[in-house]
Protein backbone atom coordinates (compact mmCIF):
# COMPACT_ATOMS: atom_id res chain seq x y z
CA MET A 1 27.75 87.47 42.63
CA VAL A 2 28.09 84.56 40.21
CA VAL A 3 27.48 84.69 36.46
CA CYS A 4 26.84 82.37 33.57
CA VAL A 5 30.18 81.69 31.91
CA ASN A 6 28.56 81.53 28.47
CA CYS A 7 26.50 84.75 28.28
CA GLY A 8 27.65 86.65 31.39
CA MET A 9 24.19 86.98 32.95
CA ALA A 10 24.08 87.05 36.76
CA VAL A 11 22.52 83.89 38.25
CA ALA A 12 21.40 82.98 41.75
CA CYS A 13 23.62 79.91 42.05
CA LEU A 14 25.69 77.56 39.94
CA TYR A 15 24.47 74.17 41.19
CA GLU A 16 22.01 72.48 43.52
CA THR A 17 23.35 70.22 46.26
CA PHE A 18 21.64 66.98 47.17
CA THR A 19 22.45 64.35 49.77
CA SER A 20 25.27 62.67 47.88
CA SER A 21 25.57 64.65 44.67
CA HIS A 22 24.92 67.97 42.99
CA ARG A 23 23.29 69.15 39.77
CA LEU A 24 24.42 72.03 37.60
CA ILE A 25 21.96 74.88 37.10
CA ASN A 26 20.95 76.00 33.62
CA CYS A 27 21.18 79.68 32.77
CA PRO A 28 17.67 81.19 32.32
CA LYS A 29 18.96 83.33 29.43
CA CYS A 30 21.02 81.02 27.22
CA GLY A 31 19.79 77.66 28.53
CA GLN A 32 23.28 76.19 28.95
CA PHE A 33 24.95 75.13 32.17
CA ALA A 34 25.72 78.30 34.13
CA ASP A 35 29.26 77.14 34.94
CA LYS A 36 30.52 73.86 33.54
CA TYR A 37 33.92 74.45 35.14
CA VAL A 38 32.49 73.54 38.55
CA GLU A 39 32.96 69.90 37.51
CA TYR A 40 36.23 70.41 35.62
CA THR A 41 39.60 69.43 37.02
CA LYS A 42 42.29 72.07 37.45
CA THR A 43 44.19 70.58 34.51
CA LEU A 44 41.28 71.15 32.14
CA ILE A 45 40.77 74.66 33.49
CA CYS A 46 44.46 75.37 32.89
CA LEU A 47 44.19 74.09 29.31
CA ASP A 48 41.20 76.34 28.60
CA PHE A 49 43.13 79.21 30.18
CA MET A 50 46.01 78.60 27.78
CA LEU A 51 43.48 78.60 24.93
CA GLN A 52 42.11 81.88 26.40
CA LYS A 53 38.46 80.95 26.19
CA PRO A 54 36.12 83.69 27.47
CA GLN A 55 34.19 81.16 29.56
CA VAL A 56 37.20 80.26 31.69
CA PHE A 57 37.92 83.93 32.40
CA ARG A 58 34.33 84.46 33.61
CA HIS A 59 34.72 81.42 35.82
CA LEU A 60 38.01 82.58 37.33
CA ILE A 61 37.04 86.24 37.78
CA PHE A 62 33.45 85.95 39.00
CA ASN A 63 32.76 82.39 40.15
CA ARG A 64 36.04 81.07 41.53
CA LEU A 65 36.61 83.77 44.17
CA GLU A 66 34.34 85.12 46.84
CA TYR A 67 32.56 88.34 45.94
CA ALA A 68 34.30 91.49 47.20
CA ASP A 69 32.39 94.76 47.14
CA ARG A 70 35.60 96.67 47.90
CA GLY A 71 39.25 95.85 47.91
CA LEU A 72 40.85 92.62 46.79
CA GLN A 73 40.49 89.10 48.04
CA PRO A 74 43.48 87.67 49.98
CA THR A 75 44.06 85.20 47.14
CA VAL A 76 44.42 88.06 44.66
CA TRP A 77 46.87 89.90 46.94
CA ARG A 78 48.99 86.76 47.14
CA LEU A 79 48.80 86.39 43.37
CA LEU A 80 49.91 89.99 42.83
CA LEU A 81 52.81 89.46 45.24
CA LEU A 82 53.80 86.33 43.33
CA LEU A 83 53.73 88.20 40.02
CA VAL A 84 55.82 91.07 41.40
CA VAL A 85 58.43 88.68 42.83
CA PHE A 86 58.48 86.77 39.55
CA GLU A 87 58.91 90.02 37.62
CA VAL A 88 61.87 90.89 39.87
CA TYR A 89 63.45 87.52 39.10
CA ILE A 90 62.99 88.01 35.35
CA LYS A 91 64.54 91.50 35.47
CA LEU A 92 67.55 90.23 37.42
CA PHE A 93 67.86 87.29 35.03
CA LEU A 94 67.88 89.57 31.98
CA MET A 95 70.37 91.95 33.59
CA GLU A 96 72.66 89.03 34.39
CA GLN A 97 72.43 87.79 30.81
CA ARG A 98 73.52 91.23 29.58
CA LYS A 99 76.22 91.49 32.27
CA GLN A 100 74.65 94.59 33.82
CA THR A 101 74.70 93.39 37.41
CA GLY A 102 76.54 95.14 40.20
CA ASP A 103 75.92 94.81 43.90
CA ILE A 104 73.30 92.06 44.18
CA TRP A 105 71.29 93.70 46.98
CA SER A 106 71.20 97.06 45.23
CA GLU A 107 70.11 95.45 41.99
CA TYR A 108 67.44 93.45 43.80
CA ALA A 109 66.12 96.57 45.54
CA PHE A 110 65.95 98.50 42.26
CA ALA A 111 64.30 95.57 40.47
CA LEU A 112 61.74 95.26 43.27
CA LEU A 113 61.05 98.99 43.19
CA ARG A 114 60.65 98.97 39.43
CA ALA A 115 58.38 95.92 39.40
CA THR A 116 56.14 97.41 42.10
CA ILE A 117 55.93 100.78 40.34
CA GLU A 118 55.24 99.18 36.96
CA THR A 119 52.45 96.99 38.36
CA SER A 120 50.82 99.93 40.16
CA ILE A 121 51.03 102.20 37.10
CA TYR A 122 49.68 99.54 34.75
CA HIS A 123 46.66 98.74 36.93
CA SER A 124 46.00 102.45 37.56
CA PHE A 125 46.17 103.31 33.86
CA VAL A 126 43.77 100.52 32.90
CA MET A 127 41.33 101.56 35.65
CA LEU A 128 41.49 105.20 34.56
CA SER A 129 40.92 104.26 30.93
CA LEU A 130 37.93 102.10 31.84
CA TYR A 131 36.58 104.89 34.03
CA VAL A 132 36.57 107.25 31.04
CA ILE A 133 34.88 104.63 28.85
CA LYS A 134 32.53 102.82 31.20
CA THR A 135 31.00 105.79 33.01
CA ARG A 136 28.86 106.27 29.91
CA HIS A 137 27.52 102.72 30.05
CA TYR A 138 27.35 101.55 33.65
CA ALA A 139 25.91 103.26 36.71
CA ILE A 140 27.92 100.94 38.98
CA PHE A 141 31.23 99.38 38.00
CA LYS A 142 33.51 97.50 40.40
CA TYR A 143 36.99 98.75 39.66
CA ASN A 144 38.56 96.36 42.13
CA TYR A 145 37.67 93.58 39.71
CA VAL A 146 39.92 95.21 37.11
CA SER A 147 42.91 94.27 39.27
CA VAL A 148 41.42 90.81 39.76
CA ALA A 149 41.11 90.34 35.99
CA LEU A 150 44.62 91.66 35.28
CA ALA A 151 46.20 89.56 38.02
CA ILE A 152 44.54 86.33 36.89
CA SER A 153 45.25 86.89 33.20
CA SER A 154 48.88 87.82 33.91
CA LEU A 155 49.54 84.28 35.11
CA ALA A 156 50.69 83.66 31.55
CA LYS A 157 53.97 85.29 32.60
CA LEU A 158 54.82 82.19 34.59
CA PHE A 159 55.45 80.35 31.33
CA LEU A 160 58.78 82.20 31.29
CA LEU A 161 59.92 79.61 33.81
CA LEU A 162 60.17 77.21 30.88
CA MET A 163 62.94 79.43 29.51
CA VAL A 164 64.97 78.82 32.67
CA ILE A 165 64.18 75.11 33.06
CA TRP A 166 64.60 73.95 29.45
CA ARG A 167 66.89 76.69 28.15
CA PHE A 168 64.63 77.89 25.36
CA PRO A 169 65.92 80.80 23.25
CA GLN A 170 65.61 83.84 25.48
CA THR A 171 64.42 86.35 22.89
CA GLU A 172 61.82 84.24 21.09
CA THR A 173 60.40 82.81 24.32
CA GLY A 174 60.17 86.23 25.97
CA ILE A 175 58.27 87.72 23.03
CA VAL A 176 55.86 84.77 22.79
CA VAL A 177 55.06 84.90 26.52
CA TRP A 178 54.70 88.70 26.35
CA LEU A 179 52.20 88.34 23.51
CA MET A 180 50.34 85.63 25.45
CA THR A 181 50.10 87.91 28.48
CA VAL A 182 48.86 90.85 26.43
CA SER A 183 46.28 88.64 24.71
CA ALA A 184 45.11 87.23 28.06
CA ASN A 185 44.80 90.76 29.52
CA VAL A 186 42.72 91.79 26.51
CA GLN A 187 40.45 88.77 26.82
CA ALA A 188 39.96 89.26 30.57
CA LEU A 189 39.10 92.97 30.19
CA SER A 190 36.76 92.22 27.32
CA VAL A 191 34.93 89.65 29.44
CA LEU A 192 34.84 91.88 32.51
CA CYS A 193 33.70 95.08 30.82
CA ASP A 194 31.80 93.73 27.82
CA LEU A 195 33.97 95.81 25.49
CA ARG A 196 35.17 95.05 22.00
CA PRO A 197 38.60 93.36 21.98
CA ASN A 198 40.15 96.11 19.82
CA ILE A 199 39.36 98.73 22.47
CA CYS A 200 40.81 96.52 25.21
CA LEU A 201 43.89 95.87 23.07
CA LEU A 202 44.47 99.60 22.67
CA ILE A 203 44.19 100.12 26.45
CA VAL A 204 46.56 97.24 27.21
CA ILE A 205 49.19 98.28 24.64
CA LEU A 206 49.18 101.90 25.78
CA GLY A 207 49.37 100.75 29.39
CA ARG A 208 52.34 98.49 28.64
CA PHE A 209 54.26 101.19 26.78
CA LEU A 210 53.59 103.76 29.49
CA THR A 211 54.65 101.29 32.16
CA ASN A 212 57.89 100.41 30.37
CA ALA A 213 58.69 104.05 29.65
CA ILE A 214 58.27 105.08 33.30
CA GLY A 215 60.05 101.98 34.56
CA ASP A 216 62.96 102.55 32.20
CA SER A 217 63.42 106.07 33.56
CA LEU A 218 64.83 104.40 36.70
CA TYR A 219 67.54 102.72 34.59
CA LEU A 220 68.53 105.38 32.10
CA GLN A 221 72.18 104.44 32.41
CA ASP A 222 71.42 100.81 31.57
CA TYR A 223 68.56 101.17 29.10
CA PRO A 224 69.09 104.11 26.73
CA MET A 225 66.10 103.05 24.60
CA PRO A 226 62.61 104.15 25.62
CA LEU A 227 60.91 100.75 25.52
CA GLY A 228 63.35 98.87 27.74
CA TYR A 229 64.41 95.27 27.60
CA MET A 230 61.38 94.22 25.53
CA TRP A 231 62.50 96.55 22.75
CA LEU A 232 66.03 95.19 23.05
CA ASP A 233 64.63 91.67 22.65
CA VAL A 234 62.65 92.68 19.56
CA GLN A 235 65.76 94.22 18.03
CA THR A 236 67.81 91.10 18.80
CA LEU A 237 65.16 88.86 17.24
CA PHE A 238 65.06 91.02 14.09
CA ARG A 239 68.86 91.00 13.76
CA ASN A 240 68.99 87.21 14.22
CA ALA A 241 66.29 86.67 11.60
CA THR A 242 68.06 89.00 9.15
CA ALA A 243 71.40 87.27 9.72
CA SER A 244 69.82 83.84 9.17
CA GLN A 245 68.29 84.96 5.87
CA GLY A 246 71.60 86.38 4.78
CA ARG A 247 73.43 83.12 5.51
CA SER A 248 70.79 81.09 3.66
CA ARG A 249 71.24 83.06 0.43
CA PRO A 250 73.83 81.71 -2.07
């Protein structure tokens, strides 16, 4: 199943192939090219992803991957594995920065367990929330595409690599990337489910807080606060901003 990236209407195909070229198909509903990203380079697609345009999310979710009636495509499984491994690295990095590391293999096992549990809980919570909402609107809804949308939109987390490469401030960079990921999740769910962004934002925020709360229960001795390392980063940022204002005053 492929859709028009502009209006979301299902179309038969995205382009017609000729002997030495192809021609993009116009959407019968909106009259625009069904998927302009067919001719875009990966760099331009990445730029539109960073700008979080709804069209690029429709392209990546519906038109880029092969249709799966059940389960997830192998590409999505590999993407989820990459995100879990990256989340493990970030957790170990933050623990090292706060000097909370012990035996490296034990810490890695706990970080891997926590990242896997958090990812599973987050996806399950979003699916359950959409089930409660969407059963009133759709007779058939493919819940496997919820994981596809969340996995693709969570690629914004990889921008945290810039913090390691160029030594950006840890707190500010972490919060900016976290906000980018939340915003991308909201945009992807809004495109997938045709819901208002404020409803998707509520689902994502509740899912994130629930995920952090349950994940933090595995590290009660290290994280006495209920919202985990993200809350610690917010507190650190607030204290730094307050201290800077205090120094600037005569």
